[in-house]
Amino acid sequence: MSASADVAPVRLRPGDVARVASVGLRTRRLRAALSALGIAIGVAAIVAVLGLSSSSQAGLLAEIDRLGTNLLTVGNGQSFTGETAQLPLTAPAMIDRMDAVEQVAVTASIPDTNVYRSPRVPAVETNGLSAQAADLDLLGAIGAGVARGRYLNAATATEPVAVLGATAARRLGIDRVYEGQRIWLGGQWLYVAGILEEAVLAPEIDASVLIGFPAAKRYLDYLGVEQGEVTTGPPTTIYVRSQTSEVDAVQRLLAQTANPAAPNEVDVSQPSDALTARAAAQSALDGLFLGLGAVALLVGAVGVANIMIISVLERRSEIGLRRALGATQAQIRGQFLAEAIMLSLIGGAVGVTAGALATAVYASAEGWAVVVPLEAWAGGIASAIAIGAIAGLLPALRAARMSPTEALRSV
């Protein structure tokens, strides 16, 4: 036996393995890039979905924190006969007497009153807008602001003057406020005083045209009777700001306070709960888009496996020469497995970068905080490595089993 037969095979260092594995990628750049593209698309989709979901939820929760979670709404419920019940005229005053209540604002939906840009608009084209009477404290209670012009005041609340919700203004084609601007409401002209910003906690205000309660009584005959005297019609929604620490206690007592005779005919809700539920529902939809990203990753894995099989067939002479020079099966197997992992890792890194960039651009445009969770980019890289290892395992085993003589026949 010769002395060379007793010499153990040289172990390749990680740097040597990476250098040898990169040969196929460097010599076939276009094919490698196209194969990595599938991985990149799948990883980018996963990172973008998780990033945008986290960013939108963070933005929504930040908005809830800014507006406060102490807003409660009291609305018309249903009677035993299934008809819409009415809140008593005294309900706002009764609620305002509660110790933990800080602010009360009232709106009333005026029935059979449509809103148009002009009387020439066909009557059926209502745009889904409603007319509501509103008191002067409404914006402070719901945390909304004025985008254009002014809100109602003690003087304009008694006159034919209206303020448009954000959605109402868009549907009416009004984006600014100027002197003498009018809309057609309830069969008469009303002057436009302002346009509101979007009301996050009270979206029903967005599609409404608001006028003062005295004006609703005077010009639209929205009337009620209290102790035998004609007064403004009953409220339909009462917005209640309570002390934050007492929200639950106030919520439990609101129905009985608003309508002691029939508390079951009163609906009490907390708008911030609906927004939080919307954030949870939005995250539940992420599974669908993550599934689409997983499909893209699967396609990318097939592409990697395909290119590695072709690479083994094309490089039989290289495999035979390396085996003849003393490379072991483990070294050949490690070379092609490392090449597949490297190819997938490049695609994963590109995908993570693209997904994070897409998240940053869209979140910034929407005014959200940019959030790319750890599980998004770490999971993207990890899945890319796993796909590379799985896709490259069979070609690597096939290359390692190839005998030197068989491989060198192709030289």
Protein backbone atom coordinates (compact mmCIF):
# COMPACT_ATOMS: atom_id res chain seq x y z
CA MET A 1 0.00 0.00 0.00
CA SER A 2 1.40 3.43 -0.93
CA ALA A 3 1.96 6.20 1.55
CA SER A 4 -0.49 8.44 -0.29
CA ALA A 5 -3.32 5.98 0.41
CA ASP A 6 -2.98 6.66 4.16
CA VAL A 7 -3.28 10.44 3.73
CA ALA A 8 -6.62 11.76 5.01
CA PRO A 9 -8.58 13.94 2.60
CA VAL A 10 -8.06 17.66 3.05
CA ARG A 11 -10.92 19.39 4.85
CA LEU A 12 -12.30 22.45 3.09
CA ARG A 13 -12.74 25.56 5.17
CA PRO A 14 -16.09 27.42 5.00
CA GLY A 15 -14.48 30.11 2.87
CA ASP A 16 -13.20 27.50 0.43
CA VAL A 17 -16.64 25.85 0.24
CA ALA A 18 -18.25 29.23 -0.48
CA ARG A 19 -15.68 30.05 -3.15
CA VAL A 20 -16.10 26.70 -4.91
CA ALA A 21 -19.90 26.87 -4.59
CA SER A 22 -20.01 30.33 -6.15
CA VAL A 23 -18.30 29.15 -9.34
CA GLY A 24 -21.55 27.98 -10.89
CA LEU A 25 -23.33 31.20 -9.95
CA ARG A 26 -20.56 33.43 -11.31
CA THR A 27 -20.25 31.58 -14.60
CA ARG A 28 -24.01 31.38 -15.25
CA ARG A 29 -25.16 34.72 -13.91
CA LEU A 30 -28.33 35.23 -15.94
CA ARG A 31 -29.70 31.77 -15.18
CA ALA A 32 -28.82 32.15 -11.50
CA ALA A 33 -30.50 35.57 -11.37
CA LEU A 34 -33.70 34.26 -12.91
CA SER A 35 -33.79 31.35 -10.45
CA ALA A 36 -33.15 33.66 -7.50
CA LEU A 37 -35.93 35.94 -8.75
CA GLY A 38 -38.62 33.40 -7.82
CA ILE A 39 -37.28 33.21 -4.28
CA ALA A 40 -37.04 37.00 -4.13
CA ILE A 41 -40.65 37.49 -5.21
CA GLY A 42 -41.97 35.03 -2.64
CA VAL A 43 -39.90 36.47 0.23
CA ALA A 44 -40.77 40.04 -0.81
CA ALA A 45 -44.47 39.18 -0.77
CA ILE A 46 -44.23 37.68 2.72
CA VAL A 47 -42.20 40.58 4.13
CA ALA A 48 -44.46 43.19 2.51
CA VAL A 49 -47.65 41.53 3.75
CA LEU A 50 -46.42 41.24 7.33
CA GLY A 51 -44.80 44.68 7.23
CA LEU A 52 -47.83 46.48 5.80
CA SER A 53 -50.16 44.67 8.17
CA SER A 54 -48.05 45.59 11.19
CA SER A 55 -47.64 49.18 9.96
CA SER A 56 -51.35 49.66 9.32
CA GLN A 57 -52.27 48.17 12.69
CA ALA A 58 -49.70 50.38 14.40
CA GLY A 59 -51.13 53.41 12.61
CA LEU A 60 -54.69 52.48 13.51
CA LEU A 61 -53.87 51.81 17.15
CA ALA A 62 -51.90 55.08 17.33
CA GLU A 63 -54.95 56.87 15.94
CA ILE A 64 -57.15 55.20 18.56
CA ASP A 65 -54.71 56.26 21.30
CA ARG A 66 -54.69 59.82 19.96
CA LEU A 67 -58.46 60.08 19.81
CA GLY A 68 -58.97 58.25 23.08
CA THR A 69 -60.83 55.12 24.05
CA ASN A 70 -63.27 56.94 26.34
CA LEU A 71 -65.85 57.80 23.67
CA LEU A 72 -69.19 56.00 23.95
CA THR A 73 -72.20 56.33 21.65
CA VAL A 74 -75.85 56.03 22.57
CA GLY A 75 -78.21 55.32 19.68
CA ASN A 76 -81.70 54.25 18.79
CA GLY A 77 -82.37 50.60 19.45
CA GLN A 78 -85.41 48.53 18.52
CA SER A 79 -88.73 48.18 20.26
CA PHE A 80 -90.40 44.84 21.03
CA THR A 81 -92.28 45.11 17.75
CA GLY A 82 -89.02 45.42 15.78
CA GLU A 83 -89.47 49.09 14.93
CA THR A 84 -86.77 51.69 15.44
CA ALA A 85 -87.15 53.20 18.89
CA GLN A 86 -86.63 56.88 19.71
CA LEU A 87 -84.41 58.37 22.37
CA PRO A 88 -86.21 60.66 24.80
CA LEU A 89 -85.70 64.40 24.34
CA THR A 90 -84.34 64.51 27.89
CA ALA A 91 -81.66 61.82 27.26
CA PRO A 92 -78.69 64.18 26.62
CA ALA A 93 -79.41 66.23 29.76
CA MET A 94 -79.81 63.11 31.87
CA ILE A 95 -76.53 61.64 30.63
CA ASP A 96 -74.72 64.94 31.21
CA ARG A 97 -75.61 64.72 34.92
CA MET A 98 -73.56 61.55 35.41
CA ASP A 99 -70.49 62.27 37.55
CA ALA A 100 -67.98 60.47 35.33
CA VAL A 101 -69.23 62.07 32.07
CA GLU A 102 -66.99 64.85 30.78
CA GLN A 103 -68.66 65.84 27.50
CA VAL A 104 -71.90 65.17 25.66
CA ALA A 105 -72.69 65.94 21.99
CA VAL A 106 -75.85 65.18 20.06
CA THR A 107 -76.82 64.56 16.44
CA ALA A 108 -80.21 63.84 14.92
CA SER A 109 -80.85 62.24 11.54
CA ILE A 110 -83.49 64.28 9.71
CA PRO A 111 -85.79 61.88 7.84
CA ASP A 112 -86.87 62.26 4.22
CA THR A 113 -84.28 64.96 3.55
CA ASN A 114 -81.92 64.47 0.62
CA VAL A 115 -78.85 66.46 -0.33
CA TYR A 116 -77.89 67.57 -3.85
CA ARG A 117 -75.39 69.89 -5.45
CA SER A 118 -78.24 71.72 -7.17
CA PRO A 119 -82.00 71.27 -7.77
CA ARG A 120 -81.23 70.13 -11.32
CA VAL A 121 -79.73 66.85 -10.08
CA PRO A 122 -82.19 63.93 -10.53
CA ALA A 123 -83.94 63.09 -7.27
CA VAL A 124 -82.76 59.45 -7.34
CA GLU A 125 -79.08 60.47 -7.28
CA THR A 126 -78.82 60.96 -3.53
CA ASN A 127 -75.19 59.71 -3.30
CA GLY A 128 -76.12 57.96 -0.05
CA LEU A 129 -75.85 61.23 1.91
CA SER A 130 -77.92 62.12 4.96
CA ALA A 131 -78.85 65.38 6.64
CA GLN A 132 -78.21 65.63 10.37
CA ALA A 133 -78.76 68.24 13.00
CA ALA A 134 -75.71 68.65 15.21
CA ASP A 135 -74.85 70.68 18.28
CA LEU A 136 -71.83 72.92 18.64
CA ASP A 137 -69.81 70.50 20.81
CA LEU A 138 -69.78 67.67 18.26
CA LEU A 139 -66.23 68.02 16.93
CA GLY A 140 -64.67 68.08 20.37
CA ALA A 141 -66.58 64.99 21.42
CA ILE A 142 -65.72 62.84 18.40
CA GLY A 143 -62.16 64.13 18.00
CA ALA A 144 -62.65 65.49 14.47
CA GLY A 145 -61.38 68.70 12.89
CA VAL A 146 -62.24 71.16 10.13
CA ALA A 147 -60.36 70.75 6.85
CA ARG A 148 -61.80 73.81 5.05
CA GLY A 149 -63.76 76.80 6.27
CA ARG A 150 -65.43 76.82 9.70
CA TYR A 151 -67.73 74.71 11.82
CA LEU A 152 -71.11 75.88 13.06
CA ASN A 153 -71.28 78.54 15.75
CA ALA A 154 -74.06 80.11 17.83
CA ALA A 155 -75.02 82.38 14.93
CA THR A 156 -74.78 80.03 11.93
CA ALA A 157 -76.56 77.22 13.82
CA THR A 158 -79.76 79.22 13.55
CA GLU A 159 -79.42 80.01 9.85
CA PRO A 160 -79.57 77.94 6.61
CA VAL A 161 -75.89 77.06 6.88
CA ALA A 162 -74.37 73.59 6.51
CA VAL A 163 -71.06 71.86 7.18
CA LEU A 164 -70.09 68.90 4.98
CA GLY A 165 -68.56 65.64 6.15
CA ALA A 166 -65.41 64.53 4.31
CA THR A 167 -67.19 61.88 2.22
CA ALA A 168 -70.19 64.13 1.57
CA ALA A 169 -67.92 66.84 0.18
CA ARG A 170 -66.22 64.39 -2.19
CA ARG A 171 -69.51 62.99 -3.47
CA LEU A 172 -70.88 66.47 -4.03
CA GLY A 173 -67.72 67.48 -5.88
CA ILE A 174 -66.83 70.22 -3.39
CA ASP A 175 -63.17 70.52 -2.39
CA ARG A 176 -63.04 74.11 -1.16
CA VAL A 177 -65.23 76.69 0.53
CA TYR A 178 -65.90 80.13 -0.90
CA GLU A 179 -68.34 82.93 -0.16
CA GLY A 180 -71.83 82.25 -1.46
CA GLN A 181 -71.28 78.52 -2.05
CA ARG A 182 -74.58 76.63 -1.70
CA ILE A 183 -76.08 73.14 -1.78
CA TRP A 184 -79.69 72.02 -2.24
CA LEU A 185 -81.02 70.35 0.91
CA GLY A 186 -84.61 69.57 1.79
CA GLY A 187 -85.97 71.60 -1.12
CA GLN A 188 -84.06 74.80 -0.34
CA TRP A 189 -80.64 76.38 -0.63
CA LEU A 190 -78.17 76.15 2.26
CA TYR A 191 -74.84 77.95 2.40
CA VAL A 192 -71.69 75.87 2.95
CA ALA A 193 -69.60 77.04 5.90
CA GLY A 194 -66.97 74.29 6.03
CA ILE A 195 -65.74 70.81 5.25
CA LEU A 196 -64.72 68.40 8.01
CA GLU A 197 -61.75 66.08 8.20
CA GLU A 198 -62.49 62.36 8.33
CA ALA A 199 -64.06 61.37 11.63
CA VAL A 200 -62.27 58.14 12.55
CA LEU A 201 -64.39 57.36 15.59
CA ALA A 202 -67.66 58.49 14.01
CA PRO A 203 -67.61 57.45 10.33
CA GLU A 204 -71.35 58.14 10.03
CA ILE A 205 -70.49 61.85 10.17
CA ASP A 206 -68.36 61.60 7.02
CA ALA A 207 -71.37 60.96 4.76
CA SER A 208 -73.53 63.59 6.44
CA VAL A 209 -74.41 67.23 5.92
CA LEU A 210 -74.64 68.95 9.31
CA ILE A 211 -76.84 71.87 10.27
CA GLY A 212 -77.67 73.40 13.65
CA PHE A 213 -80.62 72.16 15.72
CA PRO A 214 -82.35 75.58 15.64
CA ALA A 215 -81.99 75.65 11.84
CA ALA A 216 -83.35 72.10 11.55
CA LYS A 217 -86.41 73.13 13.53
CA ARG A 218 -86.90 76.38 11.63
CA TYR A 219 -86.17 75.39 8.05
CA LEU A 220 -86.69 71.60 7.92
CA ASP A 221 -89.55 71.24 10.43
CA TYR A 222 -87.62 68.80 12.61
CA LEU A 223 -89.89 69.10 15.64
CA GLY A 224 -90.66 67.35 18.89
CA VAL A 225 -92.98 67.92 21.81
CA GLU A 226 -91.82 68.19 25.41
CA GLN A 227 -94.26 68.89 28.23
CA GLY A 228 -96.79 70.17 25.72
CA GLU A 229 -94.39 72.58 24.04
CA VAL A 230 -93.01 72.29 20.51
CA THR A 231 -89.26 71.83 20.55
CA THR A 232 -86.47 70.44 18.38
CA GLY A 233 -86.89 66.82 17.28
CA PRO A 234 -85.44 63.91 19.29
CA PRO A 235 -81.75 62.95 19.11
CA THR A 236 -80.70 59.82 17.25
CA THR A 237 -77.07 59.58 18.41
CA ILE A 238 -75.47 60.87 21.60
CA TYR A 239 -71.67 60.98 21.83
CA VAL A 240 -70.39 60.68 25.39
CA ARG A 241 -66.85 61.34 26.60
CA SER A 242 -66.27 59.85 30.04
CA GLN A 243 -63.35 59.67 32.41
CA THR A 244 -61.03 57.02 30.98
CA SER A 245 -60.89 55.07 34.22
CA GLU A 246 -64.71 55.01 34.43
CA VAL A 247 -65.58 53.96 30.86
CA ASP A 248 -66.90 50.52 31.82
CA ALA A 249 -69.00 51.88 34.67
CA VAL A 250 -70.48 54.63 32.49
CA GLN A 251 -71.17 52.16 29.69
CA ARG A 252 -73.17 49.92 32.03
CA LEU A 253 -75.38 52.82 33.16
CA LEU A 254 -75.90 54.69 29.89
CA ALA A 255 -78.96 52.76 28.66
CA GLN A 256 -80.84 53.14 31.96
CA THR A 257 -79.89 56.81 32.19
CA ALA A 258 -80.85 57.67 28.61
CA ASN A 259 -84.22 55.91 28.73
CA PRO A 260 -85.20 54.78 32.24
CA ALA A 261 -88.59 53.56 31.01
CA ALA A 262 -87.18 51.26 28.30
CA PRO A 263 -83.39 50.76 28.57
CA ASN A 264 -83.66 47.74 26.26
CA GLU A 265 -84.52 50.13 23.42
CA VAL A 266 -81.14 51.88 23.65
CA ASP A 267 -77.95 50.80 21.88
CA VAL A 268 -74.65 51.62 23.60
CA SER A 269 -71.31 51.05 21.88
CA GLN A 270 -67.65 52.02 22.06
CA PRO A 271 -66.26 53.07 18.63
CA SER A 272 -62.67 52.24 19.55
CA ASP A 273 -63.73 48.60 20.06
CA ALA A 274 -64.92 48.51 16.45
CA LEU A 275 -61.61 49.90 15.22
CA THR A 276 -59.64 47.38 17.26
CA ALA A 277 -61.81 44.60 15.85
CA ARG A 278 -61.13 45.94 12.36
CA ALA A 279 -57.39 45.72 13.02
CA ALA A 280 -57.81 42.12 14.19
CA ALA A 281 -59.91 41.26 11.13
CA GLN A 282 -57.29 42.82 8.90
CA SER A 283 -54.59 40.63 10.42
CA ALA A 284 -56.81 37.59 9.87
CA LEU A 285 -56.73 38.30 6.13
CA ASP A 286 -52.94 38.13 6.15
CA GLY A 287 -53.12 34.34 5.92
CA LEU A 288 -54.49 34.60 2.38
CA PHE A 289 -51.66 36.80 1.17
CA LEU A 290 -49.07 34.77 3.05
CA GLY A 291 -50.42 31.74 1.21
CA LEU A 292 -49.82 33.52 -2.09
CA GLY A 293 -46.28 34.31 -0.97
CA ALA A 294 -45.77 30.65 -0.06
CA VAL A 295 -46.91 29.63 -3.55
CA ALA A 296 -44.34 32.02 -5.04
CA LEU A 297 -41.68 30.48 -2.79
CA LEU A 298 -42.68 27.01 -3.95
CA VAL A 299 -42.30 28.11 -7.58
CA GLY A 300 -38.91 29.55 -6.68
CA ALA A 301 -37.89 26.27 -5.02
CA VAL A 302 -38.79 24.37 -8.18
CA GLY A 303 -36.66 26.82 -10.16
CA VAL A 304 -33.69 26.31 -7.86
CA ALA A 305 -34.02 22.52 -8.01
CA ASN A 306 -34.25 22.70 -11.80
CA ILE A 307 -31.14 24.83 -12.23
CA MET A 308 -29.16 22.64 -9.84
CA ILE A 309 -30.08 19.45 -11.72
CA ILE A 310 -29.05 21.07 -15.01
CA SER A 311 -25.88 22.34 -13.35
CA VAL A 312 -24.96 18.81 -12.25
CA LEU A 313 -25.47 17.47 -15.77
CA GLU A 314 -23.47 20.27 -17.38
CA ARG A 315 -20.59 20.02 -14.92
CA ARG A 316 -19.99 16.28 -14.97
CA SER A 317 -16.47 16.83 -16.24
CA GLU A 318 -15.75 19.19 -13.36
CA ILE A 319 -17.16 16.67 -10.89
CA GLY A 320 -15.08 13.85 -12.40
CA LEU A 321 -11.90 15.94 -12.38
CA ARG A 322 -12.37 16.96 -8.76
CA ARG A 323 -13.06 13.36 -7.74
CA ALA A 324 -9.95 12.22 -9.62
CA LEU A 325 -7.89 14.82 -7.74
CA GLY A 326 -9.07 13.49 -4.39
CA ALA A 327 -12.36 15.25 -3.62
CA THR A 328 -14.63 13.10 -1.50
CA GLN A 329 -18.33 12.48 -2.01
CA ALA A 330 -19.05 14.65 1.03
CA GLN A 331 -17.10 17.55 -0.49
CA ILE A 332 -18.94 17.26 -3.83
CA ARG A 333 -22.23 17.01 -2.01
CA GLY A 334 -21.35 20.02 0.14
CA GLN A 335 -20.33 22.06 -2.91
CA PHE A 336 -23.64 21.70 -4.74
CA LEU A 337 -25.72 21.96 -1.57
CA ALA A 338 -23.88 25.16 -0.64
CA GLU A 339 -24.45 26.49 -4.16
CA ALA A 340 -28.21 25.93 -3.88
CA ILE A 341 -28.34 27.56 -0.44
CA MET A 342 -26.24 30.49 -1.66
CA LEU A 343 -28.55 30.96 -4.64
CA SER A 344 -31.64 30.96 -2.41
CA LEU A 345 -29.97 33.19 0.16
CA ILE A 346 -29.25 35.82 -2.49
CA GLY A 347 -32.88 35.69 -3.58
CA GLY A 348 -34.02 35.89 0.05
CA ALA A 349 -31.83 38.93 0.77
CA VAL A 350 -33.15 40.70 -2.33
CA GLY A 351 -36.71 39.77 -1.37
CA VAL A 352 -36.35 41.06 2.19
CA THR A 353 -34.91 44.34 0.90
CA ALA A 354 -37.68 44.75 -1.67
CA GLY A 355 -40.41 43.88 0.84
CA ALA A 356 -39.05 46.27 3.46
CA LEU A 357 -38.71 49.03 0.87
CA ALA A 358 -42.30 48.50 -0.33
CA THR A 359 -43.49 48.62 3.28
CA ALA A 360 -41.58 51.84 3.97
CA VAL A 361 -42.84 53.59 0.83
CA TYR A 362 -46.52 52.65 1.29
CA ALA A 363 -46.56 53.20 5.05
CA SER A 364 -44.95 56.63 4.65
CA ALA A 365 -47.48 57.57 1.98
CA GLU A 366 -50.32 56.59 4.33
CA GLY A 367 -48.77 58.35 7.31
CA TRP A 368 -48.23 55.13 9.27
CA ALA A 369 -45.26 54.20 11.38
CA VAL A 370 -42.95 51.93 9.36
CA VAL A 371 -42.91 48.54 11.08
CA VAL A 372 -41.10 45.51 9.65
CA PRO A 373 -41.46 42.84 12.34
CA LEU A 374 -38.60 40.52 13.20
CA GLU A 375 -40.55 37.45 12.10
CA ALA A 376 -40.99 39.00 8.64
CA TRP A 377 -37.39 39.51 7.59
CA ALA A 378 -35.91 36.74 9.76
CA GLY A 379 -38.58 34.33 8.53
CA GLY A 380 -37.90 35.38 4.94
CA ILE A 381 -34.19 34.65 5.22
CA ALA A 382 -34.78 31.40 7.10
CA SER A 383 -37.34 30.18 4.59
CA ALA A 384 -34.97 31.02 1.72
CA ILE A 385 -32.18 28.98 3.32
CA ALA A 386 -34.54 26.08 4.03
CA ILE A 387 -35.84 26.11 0.45
CA GLY A 388 -32.29 26.18 -0.91
CA ALA A 389 -31.30 23.21 1.26
CA ILE A 390 -34.37 21.18 0.30
CA ALA A 391 -34.23 22.07 -3.40
CA GLY A 392 -30.50 21.41 -3.63
CA LEU A 393 -30.39 18.17 -1.64
CA LEU A 394 -31.36 15.78 -4.45
CA PRO A 395 -29.02 17.32 -7.08
CA ALA A 396 -26.19 17.34 -4.50
CA LEU A 397 -26.73 13.66 -3.69
CA ARG A 398 -26.83 12.85 -7.41
CA ALA A 399 -23.55 14.71 -7.98
CA ALA A 400 -21.88 12.98 -5.04
CA ARG A 401 -22.86 9.49 -6.26
CA MET A 402 -21.35 10.12 -9.70
CA SER A 403 -18.18 8.01 -10.16
CA PRO A 404 -15.02 9.72 -11.49
CA THR A 405 -14.73 7.43 -14.52
CA GLU A 406 -18.36 7.95 -15.51
CA ALA A 407 -18.07 11.68 -15.11
CA LEU A 408 -14.80 11.94 -17.07
CA ARG A 409 -16.29 10.18 -20.07
CA SER A 410 -18.06 13.41 -20.92
CA VAL A 411 -14.73 15.29 -21.20
